[in-house]
Amino acid sequence: MGIDQAQISLGARATQYLGGVGATFAAAECVGESFRGTKDPINAGIGGLAAGSLVGVYTARPASMCLGIGLVCGLMASLADGIPIKYEPERIHQKQFGVRDESYRNAAD
């Protein structure tokens, strides 16, 4: 009971499809970051809109997929960085690694 050619072909198509969606998301997010000059969750929303439009073309529902995936990507990115849609790399570093800033150390003395 081995893998036949049809299963390999199906796996290859799925891999190409998901790879294309991922590459579209990454490229659009980078382009959004370059044009806007900021690194924030809105760029993930832009990438989601582009990836959603590609999924929509494949499923023949471009408007709903574009909007849905764009909103989900923007929401997930804002939740990953913290609810405020403002990119603060220092705060994120402190949150990830448990490092406290100087004001906390001075207050503890």
Foldseek 3Di string as FASTA:
>chain_A
DDDDPVNVVVVVVVVVLVVVLVVQLVVQLVVVCVVVVDNWLLSSLRSQLRSQQSVCVVVVRRPVSSNVSSVVRSVVRCVLQDVDGDDDPVVNVCVVPVDDDPVVVVVVD
